[in-house]
Amino acid sequence: MTQTHTPLSQDAALVVALAGTAMPFAHSAEDEAERWLRALRLHGQVGAALQALGVGEAPLMTGSDAEQDGPGTPPMGADVLDEVTRRAGGFAAAREADTVGTPDLLFAVFDVYGKLFDRVLYMRGTSREELTERLAGAGARHAGQG
């Protein structure tokens, strides 16, 4: 089977660019997950869904509990951007999309960060389930948008 490259939608490209500039400054994998959420919150279907759920820039809860546990999980590093983008391309290809959209990036972030990303969402008052439900509803109304 030949692997073809699925290009990023404009919104997905903006998210990847924002995350890419933020990742080098992350001190832990939790911090990386936080930076992905901040980038995703601003663009495309995922941004609209997060904003509709009331997800703001700052966490509703402080990270003091996590800080007491130590410095956190070591950052995944420079390769994480490529890994998330590669997995997002796989999701887009699986649904035979013309471009990688922000939902593809979101599911790739879920894949890579797992429970760390769930915690970032929880700290902002939402969950993976709420977000995917909101996206499913929005996807039915906005099919084909990034």
C-alpha atoms as a PDB file:
ATOM      1  CA  MET A   1       0.000   0.000   0.000  1.00  0.00           C
ATOM      2  CA  THR A   2       1.355   3.402  -0.926  1.00  0.00           C
ATOM      3  CA  GLN A   3       1.326   6.098   1.750  1.00  0.00           C
ATOM      4  CA  THR A   4       0.269   9.405   0.236  1.00  0.00           C
ATOM      5  CA  HIS A   5       0.701  12.715   1.990  1.00  0.00           C
ATOM      6  CA  THR A   6      -2.531  14.476   2.900  1.00  0.00           C
ATOM      7  CA  PRO A   7      -1.965  18.253   3.101  1.00  0.00           C
ATOM      8  CA  LEU A   8      -2.973  20.282   6.139  1.00  0.00           C
ATOM      9  CA  SER A   9      -6.036  22.509   5.922  1.00  0.00           C
ATOM     10  CA  GLN A  10      -5.366  26.195   6.553  1.00  0.00           C
ATOM     11  CA  ASP A  11      -6.675  25.915  10.132  1.00  0.00           C
ATOM     12  CA  ALA A  12      -4.666  22.760  10.837  1.00  0.00           C
ATOM     13  CA  ALA A  13      -1.525  24.397   9.418  1.00  0.00           C
ATOM     14  CA  LEU A  14      -2.006  27.351  11.779  1.00  0.00           C
ATOM     15  CA  VAL A  15      -2.414  25.011  14.765  1.00  0.00           C
ATOM     16  CA  VAL A  16       0.743  23.076  13.836  1.00  0.00           C
ATOM     17  CA  ALA A  17       2.680  26.322  13.336  1.00  0.00           C
ATOM     18  CA  LEU A  18       1.554  27.707  16.714  1.00  0.00           C
ATOM     19  CA  ALA A  19       2.280  24.436  18.498  1.00  0.00           C
ATOM     20  CA  GLY A  20       5.641  24.228  16.745  1.00  0.00           C
ATOM     21  CA  THR A  21       6.717  27.616  18.042  1.00  0.00           C
ATOM     22  CA  ALA A  22       5.534  26.750  21.570  1.00  0.00           C
ATOM     23  CA  MET A  23       6.925  23.197  21.970  1.00  0.00           C
ATOM     24  CA  PRO A  24      10.608  24.153  22.455  1.00  0.00           C
ATOM     25  CA  PHE A  25       9.591  26.064  25.598  1.00  0.00           C
ATOM     26  CA  ALA A  26       7.633  23.212  27.197  1.00  0.00           C
ATOM     27  CA  HIS A  27       9.123  21.913  30.451  1.00  0.00           C
ATOM     28  CA  SER A  28       7.152  18.649  30.558  1.00  0.00           C
ATOM     29  CA  ALA A  29       4.809  16.494  28.497  1.00  0.00           C
ATOM     30  CA  GLU A  30       1.944  18.029  30.496  1.00  0.00           C
ATOM     31  CA  ASP A  31       3.162  21.461  29.399  1.00  0.00           C
ATOM     32  CA  GLU A  32       3.292  20.260  25.783  1.00  0.00           C
ATOM     33  CA  ALA A  33      -0.301  18.997  26.022  1.00  0.00           C
ATOM     34  CA  GLU A  34      -1.322  22.380  27.445  1.00  0.00           C
ATOM     35  CA  ARG A  35       0.344  24.134  24.506  1.00  0.00           C
ATOM     36  CA  TRP A  36      -1.486  21.912  22.010  1.00  0.00           C
ATOM     37  CA  LEU A  37      -4.787  22.833  23.648  1.00  0.00           C
ATOM     38  CA  ARG A  38      -4.005  26.550  23.472  1.00  0.00           C
ATOM     39  CA  ALA A  39      -3.231  26.253  19.742  1.00  0.00           C
ATOM     40  CA  LEU A  40      -6.262  24.046  18.993  1.00  0.00           C
ATOM     41  CA  ARG A  41      -8.573  26.408  20.899  1.00  0.00           C
ATOM     42  CA  LEU A  42      -8.007  29.173  18.376  1.00  0.00           C
ATOM     43  CA  HIS A  43      -8.759  27.570  15.002  1.00  0.00           C
ATOM     44  CA  GLY A  44     -11.125  25.436  12.981  1.00  0.00           C
ATOM     45  CA  GLN A  45     -13.842  23.059  14.087  1.00  0.00           C
ATOM     46  CA  VAL A  46     -11.967  22.089  17.239  1.00  0.00           C
ATOM     47  CA  GLY A  47     -11.499  25.738  18.212  1.00  0.00           C
ATOM     48  CA  ALA A  48     -15.203  26.418  17.701  1.00  0.00           C
ATOM     49  CA  ALA A  49     -16.134  23.347  19.748  1.00  0.00           C
ATOM     50  CA  LEU A  50     -13.752  24.249  22.582  1.00  0.00           C
ATOM     51  CA  GLN A  51     -15.014  27.820  22.674  1.00  0.00           C
ATOM     52  CA  ALA A  52     -18.647  26.614  22.622  1.00  0.00           C
ATOM     53  CA  LEU A  53     -17.802  24.448  25.639  1.00  0.00           C
ATOM     54  CA  GLY A  54     -16.469  27.543  27.393  1.00  0.00           C
ATOM     55  CA  VAL A  55     -12.830  26.462  27.340  1.00  0.00           C
ATOM     56  CA  GLY A  56     -10.799  29.576  28.036  1.00  0.00           C
ATOM     57  CA  GLU A  57      -7.140  30.479  27.796  1.00  0.00           C
ATOM     58  CA  ALA A  58      -6.400  29.789  31.460  1.00  0.00           C
ATOM     59  CA  PRO A  59      -7.247  26.634  33.419  1.00  0.00           C
ATOM     60  CA  LEU A  60     -10.238  26.818  35.767  1.00  0.00           C
ATOM     61  CA  MET A  61      -8.100  25.022  38.333  1.00  0.00           C
ATOM     62  CA  THR A  62      -4.521  25.818  39.172  1.00  0.00           C
ATOM     63  CA  GLY A  63      -1.764  23.326  38.503  1.00  0.00           C
ATOM     64  CA  SER A  64      -0.668  23.426  42.161  1.00  0.00           C
ATOM     65  CA  ASP A  65      -1.709  19.816  42.716  1.00  0.00           C
ATOM     66  CA  ALA A  66       0.411  18.669  39.795  1.00  0.00           C
ATOM     67  CA  GLU A  67       3.314  20.874  40.865  1.00  0.00           C
ATOM     68  CA  GLN A  68       3.379  19.207  44.288  1.00  0.00           C
ATOM     69  CA  ASP A  69       3.887  15.843  42.599  1.00  0.00           C
ATOM     70  CA  GLY A  70       7.156  17.013  41.032  1.00  0.00           C
ATOM     71  CA  PRO A  71       8.251  18.434  37.704  1.00  0.00           C
ATOM     72  CA  GLY A  72       6.001  16.161  35.622  1.00  0.00           C
ATOM     73  CA  THR A  73       6.669  13.801  32.775  1.00  0.00           C
ATOM     74  CA  PRO A  74       9.728  14.675  30.661  1.00  0.00           C
ATOM     75  CA  PRO A  75       8.765  16.505  27.450  1.00  0.00           C
ATOM     76  CA  MET A  76       8.365  14.342  24.363  1.00  0.00           C
ATOM     77  CA  GLY A  77      10.680  16.710  22.532  1.00  0.00           C
ATOM     78  CA  ALA A  78      11.067  18.083  19.050  1.00  0.00           C
ATOM     79  CA  ASP A  79       9.788  14.934  17.314  1.00  0.00           C
ATOM     80  CA  VAL A  80       6.336  15.185  18.911  1.00  0.00           C
ATOM     81  CA  LEU A  81       5.182  17.774  16.371  1.00  0.00           C
ATOM     82  CA  ASP A  82       6.044  15.436  13.490  1.00  0.00           C
ATOM     83  CA  GLU A  83       4.451  12.486  15.291  1.00  0.00           C
ATOM     84  CA  VAL A  84       1.160  14.311  15.897  1.00  0.00           C
ATOM     85  CA  THR A  85       1.120  15.610  12.313  1.00  0.00           C
ATOM     86  CA  ARG A  86       1.899  12.130  10.925  1.00  0.00           C
ATOM     87  CA  ARG A  87      -0.882  10.502  12.955  1.00  0.00           C
ATOM     88  CA  ALA A  88      -3.322  13.266  11.985  1.00  0.00           C
ATOM     89  CA  GLY A  89      -2.486  12.565   8.333  1.00  0.00           C
ATOM     90  CA  GLY A  90      -3.291   8.908   8.951  1.00  0.00           C
ATOM     91  CA  PHE A  91      -6.689   9.816  10.402  1.00  0.00           C
ATOM     92  CA  ALA A  92      -7.459  12.100   7.445  1.00  0.00           C
ATOM     93  CA  ALA A  93      -6.379   9.418   4.967  1.00  0.00           C
ATOM     94  CA  ALA A  94      -8.521   6.817   6.739  1.00  0.00           C
ATOM     95  CA  ARG A  95     -11.599   8.977   6.227  1.00  0.00           C
ATOM     96  CA  GLU A  96     -10.479   9.738   2.651  1.00  0.00           C
ATOM     97  CA  ALA A  97     -10.314  13.482   3.296  1.00  0.00           C
ATOM     98  CA  ASP A  98      -8.641  15.938   0.945  1.00  0.00           C
ATOM     99  CA  THR A  99      -6.923  17.714   3.844  1.00  0.00           C
ATOM    100  CA  VAL A 100      -5.955  17.144   7.472  1.00  0.00           C
ATOM    101  CA  GLY A 101      -8.391  19.101   9.635  1.00  0.00           C
ATOM    102  CA  THR A 102      -8.214  20.248  13.229  1.00  0.00           C
ATOM    103  CA  PRO A 103     -10.291  17.229  14.365  1.00  0.00           C
ATOM    104  CA  ASP A 104      -7.580  14.969  12.889  1.00  0.00           C
ATOM    105  CA  LEU A 105      -4.976  16.898  14.893  1.00  0.00           C
ATOM    106  CA  LEU A 106      -7.097  16.617  18.030  1.00  0.00           C
ATOM    107  CA  PHE A 107      -7.406  12.838  17.710  1.00  0.00           C
ATOM    108  CA  ALA A 108      -3.676  12.589  17.062  1.00  0.00           C
ATOM    109  CA  VAL A 109      -3.022  14.621  20.237  1.00  0.00           C
ATOM    110  CA  PHE A 110      -5.391  12.275  22.121  1.00  0.00           C
ATOM    111  CA  ASP A 111      -3.377   9.375  20.701  1.00  0.00           C
ATOM    112  CA  VAL A 112       0.043  10.776  21.609  1.00  0.00           C
ATOM    113  CA  TYR A 113      -0.711  12.339  25.004  1.00  0.00           C
ATOM    114  CA  GLY A 114      -3.557  10.136  26.270  1.00  0.00           C
ATOM    115  CA  LYS A 115      -4.450  10.839  29.900  1.00  0.00           C
ATOM    116  CA  LEU A 116      -2.177  13.904  30.024  1.00  0.00           C
ATOM    117  CA  PHE A 117      -4.412  15.647  27.493  1.00  0.00           C
ATOM    118  CA  ASP A 118      -7.524  14.425  29.304  1.00  0.00           C
ATOM    119  CA  ARG A 119      -6.208  16.165  32.427  1.00  0.00           C
ATOM    120  CA  VAL A 120      -5.588  19.417  30.521  1.00  0.00           C
ATOM    121  CA  LEU A 121      -9.193  19.326  29.302  1.00  0.00           C
ATOM    122  CA  TYR A 122     -10.453  18.494  32.809  1.00  0.00           C
ATOM    123  CA  MET A 123      -8.577  21.466  34.250  1.00  0.00           C
ATOM    124  CA  ARG A 124     -10.527  23.646  31.809  1.00  0.00           C
ATOM    125  CA  GLY A 125     -13.895  22.206  32.763  1.00  0.00           C
ATOM    126  CA  THR A 126     -14.509  19.767  29.926  1.00  0.00           C
ATOM    127  CA  SER A 127     -13.667  16.223  28.881  1.00  0.00           C
ATOM    128  CA  ARG A 128     -12.671  14.199  25.846  1.00  0.00           C
ATOM    129  CA  GLU A 129     -16.239  12.863  25.695  1.00  0.00           C
ATOM    130  CA  GLU A 130     -17.857  16.326  25.778  1.00  0.00           C
ATOM    131  CA  LEU A 131     -15.465  17.611  23.152  1.00  0.00           C
ATOM    132  CA  THR A 132     -15.915  14.685  20.752  1.00  0.00           C
ATOM    133  CA  GLU A 133     -19.693  14.894  21.200  1.00  0.00           C
ATOM    134  CA  ARG A 134     -19.615  18.616  20.366  1.00  0.00           C
ATOM    135  CA  LEU A 135     -17.421  17.931  17.326  1.00  0.00           C
ATOM    136  CA  ALA A 136     -19.730  15.168  16.101  1.00  0.00           C
ATOM    137  CA  GLY A 137     -22.661  17.606  16.206  1.00  0.00           C
ATOM    138  CA  ALA A 138     -20.653  20.354  14.523  1.00  0.00           C
ATOM    139  CA  GLY A 139     -19.278  17.945  11.921  1.00  0.00           C
ATOM    140  CA  ALA A 140     -22.779  17.108  10.769  1.00  0.00           C
ATOM    141  CA  ARG A 141     -23.431  20.822  10.221  1.00  0.00           C
ATOM    142  CA  HIS A 142     -20.032  21.812   8.794  1.00  0.00           C
ATOM    143  CA  ALA A 143     -18.871  18.793   6.817  1.00  0.00           C
ATOM    144  CA  GLY A 144     -15.707  19.507   4.861  1.00  0.00           C
ATOM    145  CA  GLN A 145     -14.401  22.454   6.886  1.00  0.00           C
ATOM    146  CA  GLY A 146     -11.038  22.274   8.670  1.00  0.00           C
END
